[in-house]
Each structure stands twice: as C-alpha cells, then as structure tokens.
N, C-alpha and C. Protein backbone atom coordinates (compact mmCIF):
# COMPACT_ATOMS: atom_id res chain seq x y z
N MET A 1 0.87 -1.25 0.08
CA MET A 1 0.10 -0.02 -0.01
C MET A 1 0.80 1.25 -0.19
N LYS A 2 2.02 1.20 0.76
CA LYS A 2 2.90 2.27 0.76
C LYS A 2 3.24 2.84 -0.54
N ASP A 3 3.89 1.59 -1.40
CA ASP A 3 4.32 2.10 -2.91
C ASP A 3 3.11 2.71 -3.68
N TYR A 4 1.96 2.00 -3.58
CA TYR A 4 0.74 2.74 -4.16
C TYR A 4 0.64 4.30 -3.72
N CYS A 5 0.71 4.56 -2.45
CA CYS A 5 0.42 5.77 -2.03
C CYS A 5 1.62 6.69 -2.69
N ILE A 6 2.83 6.28 -2.78
CA ILE A 6 4.02 6.90 -3.38
C ILE A 6 3.60 7.39 -4.89
N TYR A 7 3.14 6.30 -5.58
CA TYR A 7 2.85 6.26 -6.97
C TYR A 7 1.69 7.20 -7.16
N LEU A 8 0.78 7.42 -6.49
CA LEU A 8 -0.32 8.38 -6.48
C LEU A 8 0.32 9.93 -6.26
N LYS A 9 1.22 9.92 -5.19
CA LYS A 9 1.48 11.33 -4.76
C LYS A 9 2.25 12.20 -6.10
N GLY A 10 2.75 11.37 -6.85
CA GLY A 10 3.55 11.76 -8.21
C GLY A 10 2.62 11.76 -9.22
N SER A 11 1.41 11.24 -9.29
CA SER A 11 0.84 11.02 -10.47
C SER A 11 -0.48 11.82 -10.70
N VAL A 12 -1.17 12.31 -9.40
CA VAL A 12 -2.58 12.75 -9.37
C VAL A 12 -2.70 13.99 -8.51
N ALA A 13 -3.52 14.62 -8.61
CA ALA A 13 -3.92 15.79 -7.72
C ALA A 13 -4.33 15.27 -6.28
N VAL A 14 -4.27 16.20 -5.43
CA VAL A 14 -4.48 15.75 -3.88
C VAL A 14 -6.04 15.16 -3.70
N SER A 15 -6.86 15.81 -4.47
CA SER A 15 -8.23 15.53 -4.29
C SER A 15 -8.71 14.04 -4.91
N THR A 16 -8.12 13.87 -6.19
CA THR A 16 -7.92 12.49 -6.64
C THR A 16 -7.49 11.31 -5.70
N ARG A 17 -6.08 11.93 -5.30
CA ARG A 17 -5.61 10.78 -4.46
C ARG A 17 -6.44 10.43 -3.20
N LEU A 18 -7.11 11.52 -2.67
CA LEU A 18 -8.12 11.15 -1.35
C LEU A 18 -9.11 10.45 -1.92
N ALA A 19 -9.82 10.61 -3.17
CA ALA A 19 -11.02 9.91 -3.79
C ALA A 19 -10.27 8.64 -3.81
N TYR A 20 -9.22 8.08 -4.33
CA TYR A 20 -8.83 6.86 -4.76
C TYR A 20 -8.63 6.03 -3.21
N LEU A 21 -8.04 6.59 -2.48
CA LEU A 21 -7.89 5.86 -0.98
C LEU A 21 -9.27 5.62 -0.37
N GLU A 22 -10.14 6.59 -0.63
CA GLU A 22 -11.76 6.51 -0.06
C GLU A 22 -12.24 5.05 -0.68
N ASP A 23 -11.79 5.33 -1.94
CA ASP A 23 -12.39 4.01 -2.82
C ASP A 23 -11.68 2.56 -2.21
N ILE A 24 -10.58 2.61 -1.98
CA ILE A 24 -9.86 1.47 -1.25
C ILE A 24 -10.63 1.13 0.15
N HIS A 25 -10.73 2.15 0.99
CA HIS A 25 -11.23 2.08 2.07
C HIS A 25 -12.59 1.36 2.03
N PHE A 26 -13.50 1.89 1.02
CA PHE A 26 -14.65 1.20 0.74
C PHE A 26 -14.48 -0.12 0.35
N PHE A 27 -13.71 -0.41 -0.52
CA PHE A 27 -13.61 -1.82 -1.08
C PHE A 27 -13.24 -2.70 0.14
N CYS A 28 -12.20 -2.36 1.07
CA CYS A 28 -12.09 -3.11 2.30
C CYS A 28 -13.08 -3.46 3.13
N SER A 29 -13.98 -2.28 3.28
CA SER A 29 -15.29 -2.59 3.96
C SER A 29 -16.15 -3.60 3.47
N TYR A 30 -16.24 -3.33 2.30
CA TYR A 30 -17.25 -4.45 1.55
C TYR A 30 -16.45 -5.68 1.82
N LEU A 31 -15.40 -6.12 1.70
CA LEU A 31 -14.67 -7.22 1.92
C LEU A 31 -15.15 -7.83 3.23
N ILE A 32 -15.14 -6.90 4.23
CA ILE A 32 -15.38 -7.28 5.73
C ILE A 32 -16.96 -7.74 5.78
N GLU A 33 -17.62 -6.80 5.06
CA GLU A 33 -19.16 -7.01 5.16
C GLU A 33 -19.76 -8.21 4.36
N MET A 34 -19.00 -8.61 3.32
CA MET A 34 -19.46 -9.93 2.57
C MET A 34 -18.74 -11.25 3.04
N GLN A 35 -17.95 -11.32 3.89
CA GLN A 35 -17.07 -12.24 4.55
C GLN A 35 -16.84 -13.43 3.68
N GLU A 36 -16.83 -13.02 2.24
CA GLU A 36 -16.29 -14.46 1.59
C GLU A 36 -14.69 -14.31 1.19
N LEU A 37 -14.04 -13.08 1.09
CA LEU A 37 -12.66 -13.31 0.93
C LEU A 37 -11.86 -13.02 2.08
N THR A 38 -12.44 -12.72 3.13
CA THR A 38 -11.70 -12.28 4.49
C THR A 38 -12.39 -12.90 5.69
N ILE A 39 -11.34 -13.13 6.65
CA ILE A 39 -12.15 -13.54 7.82
C ILE A 39 -11.88 -12.56 8.91
N ALA A 40 -11.32 -11.30 8.53
CA ALA A 40 -11.02 -10.01 9.32
C ALA A 40 -12.27 -9.48 9.72
N LYS A 41 -12.51 -8.95 10.89
CA LYS A 41 -13.52 -8.07 11.48
C LYS A 41 -13.42 -6.67 11.16
N GLU A 42 -11.94 -6.21 11.09
CA GLU A 42 -11.60 -4.81 10.71
C GLU A 42 -10.57 -4.64 9.73
N ILE A 43 -10.66 -3.41 9.08
CA ILE A 43 -9.96 -3.43 7.64
C ILE A 43 -8.51 -3.58 8.18
N LYS A 44 -7.91 -3.10 9.48
CA LYS A 44 -6.45 -3.43 9.61
C LYS A 44 -6.02 -4.90 9.60
N ASP A 45 -7.01 -5.79 9.90
CA ASP A 45 -6.59 -7.06 9.93
C ASP A 45 -6.71 -7.89 8.70
N ILE A 46 -7.15 -7.48 7.57
CA ILE A 46 -6.96 -8.31 6.44
C ILE A 46 -5.61 -8.32 6.11
N THR A 47 -5.29 -9.69 5.79
CA THR A 47 -3.90 -9.92 5.32
C THR A 47 -3.62 -9.69 3.97
N GLN A 48 -2.34 -9.73 3.74
CA GLN A 48 -1.77 -9.64 2.34
C GLN A 48 -1.94 -10.95 1.57
N ASP A 49 -2.15 -12.03 2.23
CA ASP A 49 -2.77 -13.32 1.52
C ASP A 49 -4.17 -13.26 1.16
N GLU A 50 -4.88 -12.75 1.93
CA GLU A 50 -6.37 -12.45 1.50
C GLU A 50 -6.37 -11.57 0.28
N PHE A 51 -5.68 -10.46 0.26
CA PHE A 51 -5.78 -9.59 -0.91
C PHE A 51 -5.11 -10.20 -2.17
N ASN A 52 -4.13 -11.13 -1.83
CA ASN A 52 -3.55 -11.90 -3.08
C ASN A 52 -4.65 -12.70 -3.53
N SER A 53 -5.49 -13.14 -2.83
CA SER A 53 -6.40 -14.26 -3.34
C SER A 53 -7.66 -13.50 -4.26
N ILE A 54 -7.75 -12.33 -4.08
CA ILE A 54 -8.70 -11.68 -4.99
C ILE A 54 -8.76 -11.91 -6.11
N LYS A 55 -9.55 -12.39 -7.09
CA LYS A 55 -9.46 -12.52 -8.49
C LYS A 55 -10.20 -11.09 -9.25
N ALA A 56 -10.08 -11.10 -10.38
CA ALA A 56 -10.77 -10.16 -11.30
C ALA A 56 -12.28 -10.42 -11.19
N ARG A 57 -12.82 -11.81 -10.92
CA ARG A 57 -14.03 -11.86 -10.93
C ARG A 57 -14.71 -11.13 -9.77
N ASP A 58 -13.84 -11.33 -8.67
CA ASP A 58 -14.39 -10.59 -7.34
C ASP A 58 -14.57 -9.05 -7.32
N ILE A 59 -13.63 -8.57 -8.04
CA ILE A 59 -13.62 -6.93 -8.43
C ILE A 59 -14.80 -6.75 -9.35
N ASN A 60 -15.16 -7.51 -10.29
CA ASN A 60 -16.15 -7.37 -11.25
C ASN A 60 -17.55 -7.39 -10.33
N LEU A 61 -17.56 -8.39 -9.31
CA LEU A 61 -18.95 -8.45 -8.62
C LEU A 61 -19.22 -7.12 -7.82
N PHE A 62 -18.03 -6.88 -7.42
CA PHE A 62 -17.99 -5.57 -6.46
C PHE A 62 -18.39 -4.40 -7.24
N LEU A 63 -17.77 -4.30 -8.23
CA LEU A 63 -17.96 -3.17 -9.05
C LEU A 63 -19.37 -3.21 -9.86
N GLY A 64 -19.84 -4.08 -10.32
CA GLY A 64 -21.21 -4.59 -11.06
C GLY A 64 -22.38 -4.62 -10.24
N ASP A 65 -22.27 -5.40 -9.21
CA ASP A 65 -23.38 -5.67 -8.25
C ASP A 65 -23.54 -4.78 -7.10
N TYR A 66 -22.38 -4.56 -6.49
CA TYR A 66 -22.38 -3.85 -5.18
C TYR A 66 -22.25 -2.20 -5.37
N CYS A 67 -21.32 -1.68 -5.98
CA CYS A 67 -21.02 -0.37 -6.23
C CYS A 67 -22.24 0.43 -6.66
N SER A 68 -22.85 -0.14 -7.82
CA SER A 68 -23.69 0.94 -8.56
C SER A 68 -24.87 1.22 -7.63
N ARG A 69 -25.26 0.20 -6.63
CA ARG A 69 -26.27 0.68 -5.72
C ARG A 69 -26.19 -0.34 -4.41
N TYR A 70 -25.93 0.60 -3.31
CA TYR A 70 -25.90 -0.29 -1.96
C TYR A 70 -26.62 0.32 -0.73
N TYR A 71 -26.54 -0.48 0.30
CA TYR A 71 -27.50 0.14 1.32
C TYR A 71 -26.54 0.11 2.72
N LYS A 72 -26.86 0.94 3.48
CA LYS A 72 -26.11 1.08 4.71
C LYS A 72 -27.20 1.29 6.01
N GLN A 73 -27.30 0.44 6.86
CA GLN A 73 -28.30 0.40 8.07
C GLN A 73 -27.61 1.55 9.10
N THR A 74 -28.51 2.48 9.40
CA THR A 74 -28.09 3.31 10.64
C THR A 74 -29.15 2.77 11.68
N GLU A 75 -28.88 3.61 12.80
CA GLU A 75 -29.65 3.22 14.10
C GLU A 75 -31.33 3.54 13.74
N ARG A 76 -31.53 4.45 12.82
CA ARG A 76 -32.92 5.08 12.59
C ARG A 76 -33.32 4.52 11.15
N ASN A 77 -32.41 4.13 10.23
CA ASN A 77 -33.28 3.98 8.70
C ASN A 77 -32.01 3.25 8.28
N THR A 78 -32.52 3.07 6.80
CA THR A 78 -31.53 2.38 5.77
C THR A 78 -31.29 3.49 4.63
N LEU A 79 -29.95 3.63 4.55
CA LEU A 79 -29.51 4.73 3.59
C LEU A 79 -29.24 4.14 2.47
N VAL A 80 -29.73 4.66 1.16
CA VAL A 80 -29.49 4.05 -0.20
C VAL A 80 -28.37 4.83 -0.92
N PHE A 81 -27.25 4.39 -1.26
CA PHE A 81 -26.15 5.03 -1.99
C PHE A 81 -26.08 4.58 -3.27
N GLU A 82 -26.06 5.39 -4.37
CA GLU A 82 -25.74 5.06 -5.92
C GLU A 82 -24.67 5.88 -6.34
N ASN A 83 -23.74 5.13 -6.99
CA ASN A 83 -22.60 5.77 -7.89
C ASN A 83 -22.84 6.10 -9.18
N ASN A 84 -22.58 7.23 -9.55
CA ASN A 84 -22.56 7.66 -10.89
C ASN A 84 -21.72 6.87 -12.00
N ASN A 85 -21.79 6.95 -13.06
CA ASN A 85 -20.73 6.43 -14.16
C ASN A 85 -19.41 6.91 -13.91
N ARG A 86 -19.26 8.27 -13.49
CA ARG A 86 -17.88 8.77 -13.19
C ARG A 86 -17.14 8.17 -11.94
N ALA A 87 -17.97 7.92 -10.81
CA ALA A 87 -17.58 7.36 -9.79
C ALA A 87 -17.06 5.91 -9.85
N LEU A 88 -18.08 5.17 -10.76
CA LEU A 88 -17.73 3.69 -10.98
C LEU A 88 -16.46 3.52 -12.03
N ALA A 89 -16.23 4.57 -12.75
CA ALA A 89 -15.15 4.60 -13.71
C ALA A 89 -13.75 4.79 -12.73
N ARG A 90 -13.72 5.74 -11.71
CA ARG A 90 -12.70 6.04 -11.19
C ARG A 90 -12.50 4.78 -10.27
N LYS A 91 -13.38 3.98 -9.80
CA LYS A 91 -13.28 2.70 -9.11
C LYS A 91 -12.35 1.60 -9.74
N LYS A 92 -13.07 1.53 -11.23
CA LYS A 92 -12.29 0.79 -12.12
C LYS A 92 -10.78 1.06 -12.31
N ILE A 93 -10.50 2.11 -12.26
CA ILE A 93 -9.12 2.52 -12.45
C ILE A 93 -8.02 2.15 -11.07
N ILE A 94 -8.75 2.50 -10.18
CA ILE A 94 -7.82 2.08 -9.01
C ILE A 94 -7.40 0.53 -8.81
N TYR A 95 -8.23 -0.10 -9.58
CA TYR A 95 -8.15 -1.49 -9.07
C TYR A 95 -7.13 -2.15 -10.40
N LEU A 96 -6.64 -1.30 -11.27
CA LEU A 96 -5.72 -1.78 -12.55
C LEU A 96 -4.42 -1.72 -11.75
N TYR A 97 -4.36 -1.19 -10.65
CA TYR A 97 -2.87 -1.10 -10.06
C TYR A 97 -2.92 -1.94 -8.63
N PRO A 98 -2.16 -2.85 -8.27
CA PRO A 98 -2.05 -3.62 -7.26
C PRO A 98 -1.85 -2.74 -6.10
N PHE A 99 -2.49 -2.70 -4.93
CA PHE A 99 -2.06 -1.88 -3.95
C PHE A 99 -1.61 -2.92 -2.92
C-alpha cells in the first residue's frame, strides 16, 4: 500500500488521491461485510494473503453488483447510495494497480 501511495503522490491531484484512497477503504469495508474473501473483522486485519487471493471476478462483482447501488443500515433507517458512471469509472481505474 505504501508504494501505491507514493505512486499516487507523483501522479494525481490531492483530491483525486483522496478519492482513490476512500475507494480502497470502501472496498476493504465491502470485503469485511461480505465475509467471503476475508475472515477479518476490521480493515487493519485483512492479510496480504487475503488481498492476493482476490480475483478479477471478485472485483467485477464488487463493481457491477455492489457499487452501483448499495445500502447502509443506521440506527434509525436504511440509507441508499448510488454511484454515477464517473465514480464507477474511477473505482475501475484504482483496481488496475495492485495496492
């Protein structure tokens, strides 16, 4: 991840870098929520081996099925989030580079 951050620092604007890192955090949260690719309960506990086991199909499922529209439960209600095509395209770009 450190190398990826160094790469971003020299390649993209600060706002884009923040968006990319938020996308990675979002993906890690998804991994924990789905519990199919990691046994971790917190993002910091996802292992390198678990990241290495992620296949293109797993990312395609994340981008195609989960990212376009997803739900988050709060104490009072359920929030619905939708990503537009620009946000989905950005997410696709960050997964081209291994972090």
